[in-house]
Amino acid sequence: MSAAVPRPRRLTGLALGCAAILVLAACGSDDDTGGGGGGGGGGESGPAALTLGYFPLVHTATAVNAEETGLFDDAGLDVTLEQTSGGAQAIPSLIAGEYDITYGNYTSALLAAQQGLPVRIVAGNDVGADDHAIMVAPDAPYQSAADLAGARIAVNNLQNIGTVAINAVLEDAGVDISTIQYVELPLPDMAASLAAGDVDAIWQVEPFQASALASGARVLFPLFSGPVEGMPVAGWLTTEQYAQENPGVIEAFREAMAASMEELTDNRERLVELVPTYTQVPAETVEQVVLPQWDVEADPEQLQEMSDRMLDYGIISEEFDVETMLVD
């Protein structure tokens, strides 16, 4: 597929989150943010305004591409893209009404919903594939997941998709996961910590995986393998109130994102062109990354399995029905 011609886009600064989680339940979307009503994305008054939060990764090229190539416009949406600092900040800001829809990993979303926050899933985005890996130093003694008993493993958050998937793979390999020490580090800092010997293994997602490989680290195993092969990783979230008030906007958003994912699938040329414009990742790195896998559908069975694993690992405190947070 040939690369699409980019159009100018609007990128505003980082939004601020709510100060404390206890305040969030009282926060809500403003009635005038978005507004699509029950029809399509736009209406007689023009395109529906939509503030969309996204974390700058290769994986969120789906949103930036949809804006630049006019897919959002074609769906009747006037989209403002705002970069977030990741799920820990994006979800509180979503609940506070700073975004209408935001990108977030499913584990963080399920945790928030289980705690009573009105987070809803409106569309899927990336599915776990070889673009995520557990990596070790080139001279490390580890040769398989079974060798990681007692290891210090870097993750970017102690209660997200990384720890859930690592626990599942290690348990499947016979490792007592109570012996694992998780170390919370930003993804860009992990390779240096590994090289310094501060941790024994790191979880890297593209483009950081390509950078870590270039620095000499090696892949021990793909993170989303074995019992978590193909696990959905992250998608697009909104609030219960926004979903109820703007079904047309959500339908139009899904339509545009599905088209964007189709354009980008296996389209390295377009990603090399696009990703450096909204991240600090150079084109040379994008040329080396393992390409993401995208799916606009959020699989309820796999999400329920994720929720059940979160309960097993003590991330949530009681059983949770994932169907309650999926928007039709």
C-alpha atoms as a PDB file:
ATOM      1  CA  MET A   1       0.000   0.000   0.000  1.00  0.00           C
ATOM      2  CA  SER A   2       1.375   3.399  -0.901  1.00  0.00           C
ATOM      3  CA  ALA A   3       1.940   5.991   1.815  1.00  0.00           C
ATOM      4  CA  ALA A   4      -0.899   8.433   2.327  1.00  0.00           C
ATOM      5  CA  VAL A   5      -0.262  12.137   1.863  1.00  0.00           C
ATOM      6  CA  PRO A   6      -0.104  13.822   5.300  1.00  0.00           C
ATOM      7  CA  ARG A   7      -2.155  16.867   6.157  1.00  0.00           C
ATOM      8  CA  PRO A   8      -1.412  19.419   8.881  1.00  0.00           C
ATOM      9  CA  ARG A   9      -2.777  18.389  12.272  1.00  0.00           C
ATOM     10  CA  ARG A  10      -3.413  20.020  15.606  1.00  0.00           C
ATOM     11  CA  LEU A  11      -1.376  18.837  18.599  1.00  0.00           C
ATOM     12  CA  THR A  12      -1.914  20.576  21.913  1.00  0.00           C
ATOM     13  CA  GLY A  13       0.166  20.230  25.052  1.00  0.00           C
ATOM     14  CA  LEU A  14      -0.032  17.649  27.795  1.00  0.00           C
ATOM     15  CA  ALA A  15      -3.266  17.749  29.748  1.00  0.00           C
ATOM     16  CA  LEU A  16      -3.269  17.818  33.531  1.00  0.00           C
ATOM     17  CA  GLY A  17      -4.854  14.983  35.530  1.00  0.00           C
ATOM     18  CA  CYS A  18      -7.128  15.156  38.539  1.00  0.00           C
ATOM     19  CA  ALA A  19      -5.207  15.668  41.770  1.00  0.00           C
ATOM     20  CA  ALA A  20      -6.458  12.620  43.611  1.00  0.00           C
ATOM     21  CA  ILE A  21      -8.220   9.406  42.642  1.00  0.00           C
ATOM     22  CA  LEU A  22     -10.917   9.951  45.262  1.00  0.00           C
ATOM     23  CA  VAL A  23     -12.065  13.058  43.476  1.00  0.00           C
ATOM     24  CA  LEU A  24     -12.407  11.334  40.144  1.00  0.00           C
ATOM     25  CA  ALA A  25     -15.783   9.728  40.687  1.00  0.00           C
ATOM     26  CA  ALA A  26     -17.268  13.198  40.989  1.00  0.00           C
ATOM     27  CA  CYS A  27     -15.635  14.391  37.747  1.00  0.00           C
ATOM     28  CA  GLY A  28     -17.391  14.036  34.410  1.00  0.00           C
ATOM     29  CA  SER A  29     -17.294  15.067  30.789  1.00  0.00           C
ATOM     30  CA  ASP A  30     -18.563  18.538  30.008  1.00  0.00           C
ATOM     31  CA  ASP A  31     -21.776  18.478  28.030  1.00  0.00           C
ATOM     32  CA  ASP A  32     -20.238  20.573  25.256  1.00  0.00           C
ATOM     33  CA  THR A  33     -17.112  18.450  24.588  1.00  0.00           C
ATOM     34  CA  GLY A  34     -17.699  16.382  21.468  1.00  0.00           C
ATOM     35  CA  GLY A  35     -21.435  16.226  20.981  1.00  0.00           C
ATOM     36  CA  GLY A  36     -22.451  13.851  18.233  1.00  0.00           C
ATOM     37  CA  GLY A  37     -25.904  12.941  19.448  1.00  0.00           C
ATOM     38  CA  GLY A  38     -27.518   9.777  18.223  1.00  0.00           C
ATOM     39  CA  GLY A  39     -26.771  10.288  14.528  1.00  0.00           C
ATOM     40  CA  GLY A  40     -23.490  10.146  12.664  1.00  0.00           C
ATOM     41  CA  GLY A  41     -20.301  11.946  13.609  1.00  0.00           C
ATOM     42  CA  GLY A  42     -21.454  15.303  12.285  1.00  0.00           C
ATOM     43  CA  GLY A  43     -24.794  16.964  11.803  1.00  0.00           C
ATOM     44  CA  GLU A  44     -26.480  20.062  10.487  1.00  0.00           C
ATOM     45  CA  SER A  45     -24.236  22.189  12.726  1.00  0.00           C
ATOM     46  CA  GLY A  46     -21.084  20.688  11.187  1.00  0.00           C
ATOM     47  CA  PRO A  47     -18.509  18.113  12.286  1.00  0.00           C
ATOM     48  CA  ALA A  48     -18.643  16.840  15.850  1.00  0.00           C
ATOM     49  CA  ALA A  49     -15.760  18.098  17.998  1.00  0.00           C
ATOM     50  CA  LEU A  50     -13.718  15.340  19.655  1.00  0.00           C
ATOM     51  CA  THR A  51     -10.716  15.730  21.958  1.00  0.00           C
ATOM     52  CA  LEU A  52      -8.599  12.607  21.612  1.00  0.00           C
ATOM     53  CA  GLY A  53      -5.777  11.692  24.010  1.00  0.00           C
ATOM     54  CA  TYR A  54      -2.966   9.475  22.758  1.00  0.00           C
ATOM     55  CA  PHE A  55       0.402   8.323  24.050  1.00  0.00           C
ATOM     56  CA  PRO A  56       3.146   8.882  21.430  1.00  0.00           C
ATOM     57  CA  LEU A  57       4.015   5.330  20.358  1.00  0.00           C
ATOM     58  CA  VAL A  58       4.268   3.541  17.045  1.00  0.00           C
ATOM     59  CA  HIS A  59       1.013   1.863  18.073  1.00  0.00           C
ATOM     60  CA  THR A  60      -0.949   5.126  18.191  1.00  0.00           C
ATOM     61  CA  ALA A  61      -0.064   5.956  14.611  1.00  0.00           C
ATOM     62  CA  THR A  62      -3.626   4.782  14.018  1.00  0.00           C
ATOM     63  CA  ALA A  63      -5.009   8.019  15.485  1.00  0.00           C
ATOM     64  CA  VAL A  64      -2.428  10.388  13.979  1.00  0.00           C
ATOM     65  CA  ASN A  65      -2.836   8.797  10.546  1.00  0.00           C
ATOM     66  CA  ALA A  66      -6.629   9.104  10.745  1.00  0.00           C
ATOM     67  CA  GLU A  67      -6.273  12.821  11.464  1.00  0.00           C
ATOM     68  CA  GLU A  68      -3.607  13.543   8.847  1.00  0.00           C
ATOM     69  CA  THR A  69      -5.223  11.640   5.997  1.00  0.00           C
ATOM     70  CA  GLY A  70      -8.712  13.062   6.566  1.00  0.00           C
ATOM     71  CA  LEU A  71     -10.336   9.859   7.796  1.00  0.00           C
ATOM     72  CA  PHE A  72     -11.726  11.654  10.837  1.00  0.00           C
ATOM     73  CA  ASP A  73     -13.019  14.462   8.627  1.00  0.00           C
ATOM     74  CA  ASP A  74     -14.666  11.931   6.318  1.00  0.00           C
ATOM     75  CA  ALA A  75     -16.411  10.418   9.351  1.00  0.00           C
ATOM     76  CA  GLY A  76     -17.797  13.817  10.381  1.00  0.00           C
ATOM     77  CA  LEU A  77     -15.365  14.416  13.250  1.00  0.00           C
ATOM     78  CA  ASP A  78     -13.351  17.528  14.087  1.00  0.00           C
ATOM     79  CA  VAL A  79     -10.580  15.930  16.148  1.00  0.00           C
ATOM     80  CA  THR A  80      -8.046  17.654  18.405  1.00  0.00           C
ATOM     81  CA  LEU A  81      -5.159  15.346  19.296  1.00  0.00           C
ATOM     82  CA  GLU A  82      -3.555  15.741  22.712  1.00  0.00           C
ATOM     83  CA  GLN A  83      -0.526  13.769  23.842  1.00  0.00           C
ATOM     84  CA  THR A  84      -0.776  12.036  27.219  1.00  0.00           C
ATOM     85  CA  SER A  85       1.859  10.717  29.596  1.00  0.00           C
ATOM     86  CA  GLY A  86       0.430   7.192  29.541  1.00  0.00           C
ATOM     87  CA  GLY A  87      -2.410   5.286  31.182  1.00  0.00           C
ATOM     88  CA  ALA A  88      -1.684   6.369  34.755  1.00  0.00           C
ATOM     89  CA  GLN A  89      -2.292   9.993  33.752  1.00  0.00           C
ATOM     90  CA  ALA A  90      -4.664   9.504  30.820  1.00  0.00           C
ATOM     91  CA  ILE A  91      -7.460   7.778  32.720  1.00  0.00           C
ATOM     92  CA  PRO A  92      -7.750  10.395  35.510  1.00  0.00           C
ATOM     93  CA  SER A  93      -7.713  13.123  32.867  1.00  0.00           C
ATOM     94  CA  LEU A  94     -10.395  11.266  30.912  1.00  0.00           C
ATOM     95  CA  ILE A  95     -12.620  11.075  33.978  1.00  0.00           C
ATOM     96  CA  ALA A  96     -11.983  14.768  34.637  1.00  0.00           C
ATOM     97  CA  GLY A  97     -13.347  15.593  31.179  1.00  0.00           C
ATOM     98  CA  GLU A  98     -10.065  16.719  29.640  1.00  0.00           C
ATOM     99  CA  TYR A  99     -10.362  14.132  26.870  1.00  0.00           C
ATOM    100  CA  ASP A 100     -13.492  12.709  25.288  1.00  0.00           C
ATOM    101  CA  ILE A 101     -11.698   9.518  24.274  1.00  0.00           C
ATOM    102  CA  THR A 102      -8.165   8.443  25.182  1.00  0.00           C
ATOM    103  CA  TYR A 103      -5.739   5.637  24.460  1.00  0.00           C
ATOM    104  CA  GLY A 104      -4.969   3.386  27.422  1.00  0.00           C
ATOM    105  CA  ASN A 105      -3.834  -0.128  28.269  1.00  0.00           C
ATOM    106  CA  TYR A 106      -6.622  -2.489  29.207  1.00  0.00           C
ATOM    107  CA  THR A 107      -5.192  -3.490  32.574  1.00  0.00           C
ATOM    108  CA  SER A 108      -5.254   0.108  33.803  1.00  0.00           C
ATOM    109  CA  ALA A 109      -8.758   0.521  32.396  1.00  0.00           C
ATOM    110  CA  LEU A 110     -10.038  -2.650  34.081  1.00  0.00           C
ATOM    111  CA  LEU A 111      -8.449  -1.642  37.372  1.00  0.00           C
ATOM    112  CA  ALA A 112     -10.122   1.774  37.222  1.00  0.00           C
ATOM    113  CA  ALA A 113     -13.513   0.270  36.365  1.00  0.00           C
ATOM    114  CA  GLN A 114     -13.238  -2.343  39.114  1.00  0.00           C
ATOM    115  CA  GLN A 115     -12.573   0.501  41.546  1.00  0.00           C
ATOM    116  CA  GLY A 116     -15.851   2.114  40.495  1.00  0.00           C
ATOM    117  CA  LEU A 117     -14.658   4.707  37.965  1.00  0.00           C
ATOM    118  CA  PRO A 118     -16.958   5.052  34.908  1.00  0.00           C
ATOM    119  CA  VAL A 119     -14.364   3.983  32.311  1.00  0.00           C
ATOM    120  CA  ARG A 120     -15.703   2.372  29.148  1.00  0.00           C
ATOM    121  CA  ILE A 121     -13.983   0.710  26.166  1.00  0.00           C
ATOM    122  CA  VAL A 122     -15.131   2.027  22.778  1.00  0.00           C
ATOM    123  CA  ALA A 123     -12.617   0.417  20.394  1.00  0.00           C
ATOM    124  CA  GLY A 124      -9.561  -1.772  20.280  1.00  0.00           C
ATOM    125  CA  ASN A 125      -6.144  -0.759  19.031  1.00  0.00           C
ATOM    126  CA  ASP A 126      -3.062  -2.947  19.463  1.00  0.00           C
ATOM    127  CA  VAL A 127      -2.819  -6.669  20.109  1.00  0.00           C
ATOM    128  CA  GLY A 128       0.183  -8.294  21.762  1.00  0.00           C
ATOM    129  CA  ALA A 129       2.709  -9.607  19.254  1.00  0.00           C
ATOM    130  CA  ASP A 130       6.481  -9.698  18.715  1.00  0.00           C
ATOM    131  CA  ASP A 131       6.680  -5.929  19.180  1.00  0.00           C
ATOM    132  CA  HIS A 132       6.855  -6.633  22.940  1.00  0.00           C
ATOM    133  CA  ALA A 133       9.718  -8.649  24.431  1.00  0.00           C
ATOM    134  CA  ILE A 134      11.477  -9.565  27.647  1.00  0.00           C
ATOM    135  CA  MET A 135      15.132  -8.723  27.087  1.00  0.00           C
ATOM    136  CA  VAL A 136      18.345  -9.500  28.944  1.00  0.00           C
ATOM    137  CA  ALA A 137      21.990  -8.500  28.729  1.00  0.00           C
ATOM    138  CA  PRO A 138      23.984 -10.244  25.966  1.00  0.00           C
ATOM    139  CA  ASP A 139      26.110 -12.166  28.471  1.00  0.00           C
ATOM    140  CA  ALA A 140      23.303 -12.949  30.932  1.00  0.00           C
ATOM    141  CA  PRO A 141      22.975 -16.611  31.976  1.00  0.00           C
ATOM    142  CA  TYR A 142      19.239 -16.691  31.250  1.00  0.00           C
ATOM    143  CA  GLN A 143      18.228 -18.849  28.288  1.00  0.00           C
ATOM    144  CA  SER A 144      14.462 -19.195  28.807  1.00  0.00           C
ATOM    145  CA  ALA A 145      11.590 -17.900  30.901  1.00  0.00           C
ATOM    146  CA  ALA A 146      12.157 -20.749  33.367  1.00  0.00           C
ATOM    147  CA  ASP A 147      15.563 -19.271  34.250  1.00  0.00           C
ATOM    148  CA  LEU A 148      14.095 -16.024  35.616  1.00  0.00           C
ATOM    149  CA  ALA A 149      13.190 -17.317  39.093  1.00  0.00           C
ATOM    150  CA  GLY A 150      14.310 -14.654  41.572  1.00  0.00           C
ATOM    151  CA  ALA A 151      15.045 -12.111  38.853  1.00  0.00           C
ATOM    152  CA  ARG A 152      14.645  -8.336  38.986  1.00  0.00           C
ATOM    153  CA  ILE A 153      12.443  -7.377  36.039  1.00  0.00           C
ATOM    154  CA  ALA A 154      11.808  -3.810  34.911  1.00  0.00           C
ATOM    155  CA  VAL A 155       8.264  -2.782  34.000  1.00  0.00           C
ATOM    156  CA  ASN A 156       6.898   0.699  33.424  1.00  0.00           C
ATOM    157  CA  ASN A 157       4.070   0.210  35.913  1.00  0.00           C
ATOM    158  CA  LEU A 158       3.627  -2.337  38.689  1.00  0.00           C
ATOM    159  CA  GLN A 159      -0.048  -2.896  37.929  1.00  0.00           C
ATOM    160  CA  ASN A 160      -0.481  -3.026  34.190  1.00  0.00           C
ATOM    161  CA  ILE A 161      -0.437  -5.325  31.191  1.00  0.00           C
ATOM    162  CA  GLY A 162       3.298  -5.973  31.508  1.00  0.00           C
ATOM    163  CA  THR A 163       3.187  -7.554  34.946  1.00  0.00           C
ATOM    164  CA  VAL A 164       0.064  -9.560  34.063  1.00  0.00           C
ATOM    165  CA  ALA A 165       1.648 -11.014  30.925  1.00  0.00           C
ATOM    166  CA  ILE A 166       5.042 -11.663  32.542  1.00  0.00           C
ATOM    167  CA  ASN A 167       3.430 -13.457  35.473  1.00  0.00           C
ATOM    168  CA  ALA A 168       1.398 -15.630  33.107  1.00  0.00           C
ATOM    169  CA  VAL A 169       4.403 -16.645  30.995  1.00  0.00           C
ATOM    170  CA  LEU A 170       6.625 -17.304  34.015  1.00  0.00           C
ATOM    171  CA  GLU A 171       3.974 -19.370  35.789  1.00  0.00           C
ATOM    172  CA  ASP A 172       3.495 -21.385  32.607  1.00  0.00           C
ATOM    173  CA  ALA A 173       7.260 -22.027  32.638  1.00  0.00           C
ATOM    174  CA  GLY A 174       7.120 -23.287  36.239  1.00  0.00           C
ATOM    175  CA  VAL A 175       8.505 -20.179  37.946  1.00  0.00           C
ATOM    176  CA  ASP A 176       7.279 -19.235  41.423  1.00  0.00           C
ATOM    177  CA  ILE A 177       6.274 -15.635  40.653  1.00  0.00           C
ATOM    178  CA  SER A 178       6.494 -14.681  44.331  1.00  0.00           C
ATOM    179  CA  THR A 179      10.273 -14.728  43.825  1.00  0.00           C
ATOM    180  CA  ILE A 180      10.142 -12.059  41.102  1.00  0.00           C
ATOM    181  CA  GLN A 181      11.096  -8.506  42.034  1.00  0.00           C
ATOM    182  CA  TYR A 182       9.441  -5.978  39.740  1.00  0.00           C
ATOM    183  CA  VAL A 183      11.238  -2.667  39.344  1.00  0.00           C
ATOM    184  CA  GLU A 184       9.262   0.305  38.045  1.00  0.00           C
ATOM    185  CA  LEU A 185      11.184   2.262  35.399  1.00  0.00           C
ATOM    186  CA  PRO A 186      10.248   4.442  32.415  1.00  0.00           C
ATOM    187  CA  LEU A 187      10.523   2.456  29.188  1.00  0.00           C
ATOM    188  CA  PRO A 188      13.277   4.676  27.713  1.00  0.00           C
ATOM    189  CA  ASP A 189      15.465   4.148  30.823  1.00  0.00           C
ATOM    190  CA  MET A 190      15.298   0.365  30.959  1.00  0.00           C
ATOM    191  CA  ALA A 191      18.110  -0.514  28.549  1.00  0.00           C
ATOM    192  CA  ALA A 192      20.605   1.624  30.479  1.00  0.00           C
ATOM    193  CA  SER A 193      19.548   0.029  33.769  1.00  0.00           C
ATOM    194  CA  LEU A 194      19.992  -3.409  32.227  1.00  0.00           C
ATOM    195  CA  ALA A 195      23.461  -2.518  30.963  1.00  0.00           C
ATOM    196  CA  ALA A 196      24.396  -1.172  34.407  1.00  0.00           C
ATOM    197  CA  GLY A 197      23.293  -4.404  36.085  1.00  0.00           C
ATOM    198  CA  ASP A 198      20.555  -2.716  38.106  1.00  0.00           C
ATOM    199  CA  VAL A 199      17.968  -5.179  36.772  1.00  0.00           C
ATOM    200  CA  ASP A 200      18.197  -8.660  35.289  1.00  0.00           C
ATOM    201  CA  ALA A 201      15.554  -8.340  32.572  1.00  0.00           C
ATOM    202  CA  ILE A 202      13.456  -5.606  30.999  1.00  0.00           C
ATOM    203  CA  TRP A 203      10.112  -5.388  29.217  1.00  0.00           C
ATOM    204  CA  GLN A 204      10.530  -3.421  26.005  1.00  0.00           C
ATOM    205  CA  VAL A 205       7.847  -2.399  23.516  1.00  0.00           C
ATOM    206  CA  GLU A 206       8.640  -0.872  20.156  1.00  0.00           C
ATOM    207  CA  PRO A 207      10.359   1.429  19.411  1.00  0.00           C
ATOM    208  CA  PHE A 208      12.361   0.829  22.617  1.00  0.00           C
ATOM    209  CA  GLN A 209      12.845  -2.824  21.714  1.00  0.00           C
ATOM    210  CA  ALA A 210      14.709  -1.886  18.526  1.00  0.00           C
ATOM    211  CA  SER A 211      16.837   0.612  20.453  1.00  0.00           C
ATOM    212  CA  ALA A 212      17.669  -1.972  23.132  1.00  0.00           C
ATOM    213  CA  LEU A 213      18.676  -4.489  20.456  1.00  0.00           C
ATOM    214  CA  ALA A 214      20.938  -1.885  18.904  1.00  0.00           C
ATOM    215  CA  SER A 215      22.591  -1.336  22.299  1.00  0.00           C
ATOM    216  CA  GLY A 216      23.407  -5.035  22.607  1.00  0.00           C
ATOM    217  CA  ALA A 217      20.487  -6.466  24.616  1.00  0.00           C
ATOM    218  CA  ARG A 218      18.945  -9.715  23.409  1.00  0.00           C
ATOM    219  CA  VAL A 219      15.389 -11.023  23.363  1.00  0.00           C
ATOM    220  CA  LEU A 220      14.827 -13.784  25.906  1.00  0.00           C
ATOM    221  CA  PHE A 221      11.233 -14.402  24.812  1.00  0.00           C
ATOM    222  CA  PRO A 222       8.343 -12.495  23.198  1.00  0.00           C
ATOM    223  CA  LEU A 223       6.203 -11.172  26.027  1.00  0.00           C
ATOM    224  CA  PHE A 224       2.904 -12.103  24.425  1.00  0.00           C
ATOM    225  CA  SER A 225       3.611 -15.777  23.940  1.00  0.00           C
ATOM    226  CA  GLY A 226       2.388 -19.049  25.378  1.00  0.00           C
ATOM    227  CA  PRO A 227      -0.670 -18.483  27.603  1.00  0.00           C
ATOM    228  CA  VAL A 228      -0.998 -14.812  26.607  1.00  0.00           C
ATOM    229  CA  GLU A 229      -0.319 -15.065  22.886  1.00  0.00           C
ATOM    230  CA  GLY A 230      -2.444 -12.514  21.032  1.00  0.00           C
ATOM    231  CA  MET A 231      -3.659 -10.834  24.230  1.00  0.00           C
ATOM    232  CA  PRO A 232      -5.211  -7.408  23.554  1.00  0.00           C
ATOM    233  CA  VAL A 233      -2.931  -4.731  24.967  1.00  0.00           C
ATOM    234  CA  ALA A 234      -4.527  -1.317  24.649  1.00  0.00           C
ATOM    235  CA  GLY A 235      -7.482   0.462  23.136  1.00  0.00           C
ATOM    236  CA  TRP A 236      -9.612   3.576  23.186  1.00  0.00           C
ATOM    237  CA  LEU A 237     -11.474   4.547  26.338  1.00  0.00           C
ATOM    238  CA  THR A 238     -14.224   6.980  27.249  1.00  0.00           C
ATOM    239  CA  THR A 239     -16.554   7.648  30.163  1.00  0.00           C
ATOM    240  CA  GLU A 240     -19.974   6.141  30.679  1.00  0.00           C
ATOM    241  CA  GLN A 241     -21.563   9.592  30.388  1.00  0.00           C
ATOM    242  CA  TYR A 242     -19.829  10.433  27.120  1.00  0.00           C
ATOM    243  CA  ALA A 243     -20.731   7.055  25.616  1.00  0.00           C
ATOM    244  CA  GLN A 244     -24.392   7.502  26.510  1.00  0.00           C
ATOM    245  CA  GLU A 245     -24.562  11.054  25.173  1.00  0.00           C
ATOM    246  CA  ASN A 246     -22.522  10.580  21.978  1.00  0.00           C
ATOM    247  CA  PRO A 247     -23.237   7.230  20.326  1.00  0.00           C
ATOM    248  CA  GLY A 248     -22.910   8.768  16.860  1.00  0.00           C
ATOM    249  CA  VAL A 249     -19.468  10.150  17.598  1.00  0.00           C
ATOM    250  CA  ILE A 250     -18.290   6.783  18.898  1.00  0.00           C
ATOM    251  CA  GLU A 251     -19.622   4.975  15.816  1.00  0.00           C
ATOM    252  CA  ALA A 252     -17.878   7.496  13.551  1.00  0.00           C
ATOM    253  CA  PHE A 253     -14.659   7.192  15.548  1.00  0.00           C
ATOM    254  CA  ARG A 254     -14.639   3.411  15.181  1.00  0.00           C
ATOM    255  CA  GLU A 255     -15.250   3.723  11.445  1.00  0.00           C
ATOM    256  CA  ALA A 256     -12.295   6.095  10.994  1.00  0.00           C
ATOM    257  CA  MET A 257      -9.976   4.026  13.191  1.00  0.00           C
ATOM    258  CA  ALA A 258     -10.830   0.790  11.371  1.00  0.00           C
ATOM    259  CA  ALA A 259      -9.945   2.468   8.074  1.00  0.00           C
ATOM    260  CA  SER A 260      -6.701   3.846   9.535  1.00  0.00           C
ATOM    261  CA  MET A 261      -5.658   0.438  10.855  1.00  0.00           C
ATOM    262  CA  GLU A 262      -6.292  -1.069   7.436  1.00  0.00           C
ATOM    263  CA  GLU A 263      -4.094   1.592   5.823  1.00  0.00           C
ATOM    264  CA  LEU A 264      -1.241   1.075   8.296  1.00  0.00           C
ATOM    265  CA  THR A 265      -1.154  -2.719   8.540  1.00  0.00           C
ATOM    266  CA  ASP A 266       2.221  -3.902   7.166  1.00  0.00           C
ATOM    267  CA  ASN A 267       2.758  -0.388   5.770  1.00  0.00           C
ATOM    268  CA  ARG A 268       6.268   0.333   7.058  1.00  0.00           C
ATOM    269  CA  GLU A 269       6.772   3.079   4.479  1.00  0.00           C
ATOM    270  CA  ARG A 270       3.916   5.113   5.938  1.00  0.00           C
ATOM    271  CA  LEU A 271       5.027   4.490   9.519  1.00  0.00           C
ATOM    272  CA  VAL A 272       8.595   5.577   8.738  1.00  0.00           C
ATOM    273  CA  GLU A 273       7.131   8.779   7.338  1.00  0.00           C
ATOM    274  CA  LEU A 274       4.609   9.355  10.121  1.00  0.00           C
ATOM    275  CA  VAL A 275       6.003   8.218  13.490  1.00  0.00           C
ATOM    276  CA  PRO A 276       8.927  10.692  13.686  1.00  0.00           C
ATOM    277  CA  THR A 277       6.468  13.591  13.307  1.00  0.00           C
ATOM    278  CA  TYR A 278       4.785  12.977  16.674  1.00  0.00           C
ATOM    279  CA  THR A 279       7.420  11.042  18.654  1.00  0.00           C
ATOM    280  CA  GLN A 280      11.133  11.448  19.277  1.00  0.00           C
ATOM    281  CA  VAL A 281      11.775   8.212  17.400  1.00  0.00           C
ATOM    282  CA  PRO A 282      13.908   8.735  14.267  1.00  0.00           C
ATOM    283  CA  ALA A 283      12.980   7.219  10.939  1.00  0.00           C
ATOM    284  CA  GLU A 284      16.037   4.959  11.108  1.00  0.00           C
ATOM    285  CA  THR A 285      14.617   3.278  14.209  1.00  0.00           C
ATOM    286  CA  VAL A 286      11.128   2.929  12.737  1.00  0.00           C
ATOM    287  CA  GLU A 287      12.734   1.121   9.815  1.00  0.00           C
ATOM    288  CA  GLN A 288      13.934  -1.544  12.290  1.00  0.00           C
ATOM    289  CA  VAL A 289      10.943  -1.990  14.614  1.00  0.00           C
ATOM    290  CA  VAL A 290       8.706  -5.025  14.672  1.00  0.00           C
ATOM    291  CA  LEU A 291       5.447  -3.700  13.259  1.00  0.00           C
ATOM    292  CA  PRO A 292       2.412  -3.664  15.573  1.00  0.00           C
ATOM    293  CA  GLN A 293      -0.731  -5.705  15.063  1.00  0.00           C
ATOM    294  CA  TRP A 294      -3.977  -3.752  15.240  1.00  0.00           C
ATOM    295  CA  ASP A 295      -7.600  -4.734  15.739  1.00  0.00           C
ATOM    296  CA  VAL A 296     -10.421  -2.231  16.141  1.00  0.00           C
ATOM    297  CA  GLU A 297     -12.526  -4.863  17.915  1.00  0.00           C
ATOM    298  CA  ALA A 298     -12.067  -5.321  21.672  1.00  0.00           C
ATOM    299  CA  ASP A 299     -12.362  -9.084  22.267  1.00  0.00           C
ATOM    300  CA  PRO A 300     -14.595  -9.608  25.335  1.00  0.00           C
ATOM    301  CA  GLU A 301     -13.427 -13.180  25.978  1.00  0.00           C
ATOM    302  CA  GLN A 302      -9.746 -12.257  26.006  1.00  0.00           C
ATOM    303  CA  LEU A 303     -10.440  -9.178  28.113  1.00  0.00           C
ATOM    304  CA  GLN A 304     -12.322 -11.324  30.602  1.00  0.00           C
ATOM    305  CA  GLU A 305      -9.346 -13.680  30.752  1.00  0.00           C
ATOM    306  CA  MET A 306      -7.144 -10.676  31.472  1.00  0.00           C
ATOM    307  CA  SER A 307      -9.470  -9.560  34.258  1.00  0.00           C
ATOM    308  CA  ASP A 308      -9.422 -13.048  35.773  1.00  0.00           C
ATOM    309  CA  ARG A 309      -5.616 -13.058  35.715  1.00  0.00           C
ATOM    310  CA  MET A 310      -5.588  -9.639  37.386  1.00  0.00           C
ATOM    311  CA  LEU A 311      -7.658 -11.144  40.194  1.00  0.00           C
ATOM    312  CA  ASP A 312      -5.288 -14.108  40.471  1.00  0.00           C
ATOM    313  CA  TYR A 313      -2.311 -11.749  40.752  1.00  0.00           C
ATOM    314  CA  GLY A 314      -3.940  -9.459  43.297  1.00  0.00           C
ATOM    315  CA  ILE A 315      -4.217  -6.422  41.017  1.00  0.00           C
ATOM    316  CA  ILE A 316      -7.989  -6.298  41.485  1.00  0.00           C
ATOM    317  CA  SER A 317      -9.790  -7.350  44.633  1.00  0.00           C
ATOM    318  CA  GLU A 318     -12.835  -9.207  43.313  1.00  0.00           C
ATOM    319  CA  GLU A 319     -14.255 -10.796  40.174  1.00  0.00           C
ATOM    320  CA  PHE A 320     -15.212  -8.289  37.504  1.00  0.00           C
ATOM    321  CA  ASP A 321     -17.532  -8.675  34.493  1.00  0.00           C
ATOM    322  CA  VAL A 322     -15.765  -7.007  31.573  1.00  0.00           C
ATOM    323  CA  GLU A 323     -18.980  -6.856  29.528  1.00  0.00           C
ATOM    324  CA  THR A 324     -20.146  -4.033  31.810  1.00  0.00           C
ATOM    325  CA  MET A 325     -17.519  -1.681  30.390  1.00  0.00           C
ATOM    326  CA  LEU A 326     -17.819  -2.480  26.672  1.00  0.00           C
ATOM    327  CA  VAL A 327     -19.721   0.094  24.606  1.00  0.00           C
ATOM    328  CA  ASP A 328     -21.986  -1.470  21.955  1.00  0.00           C
END
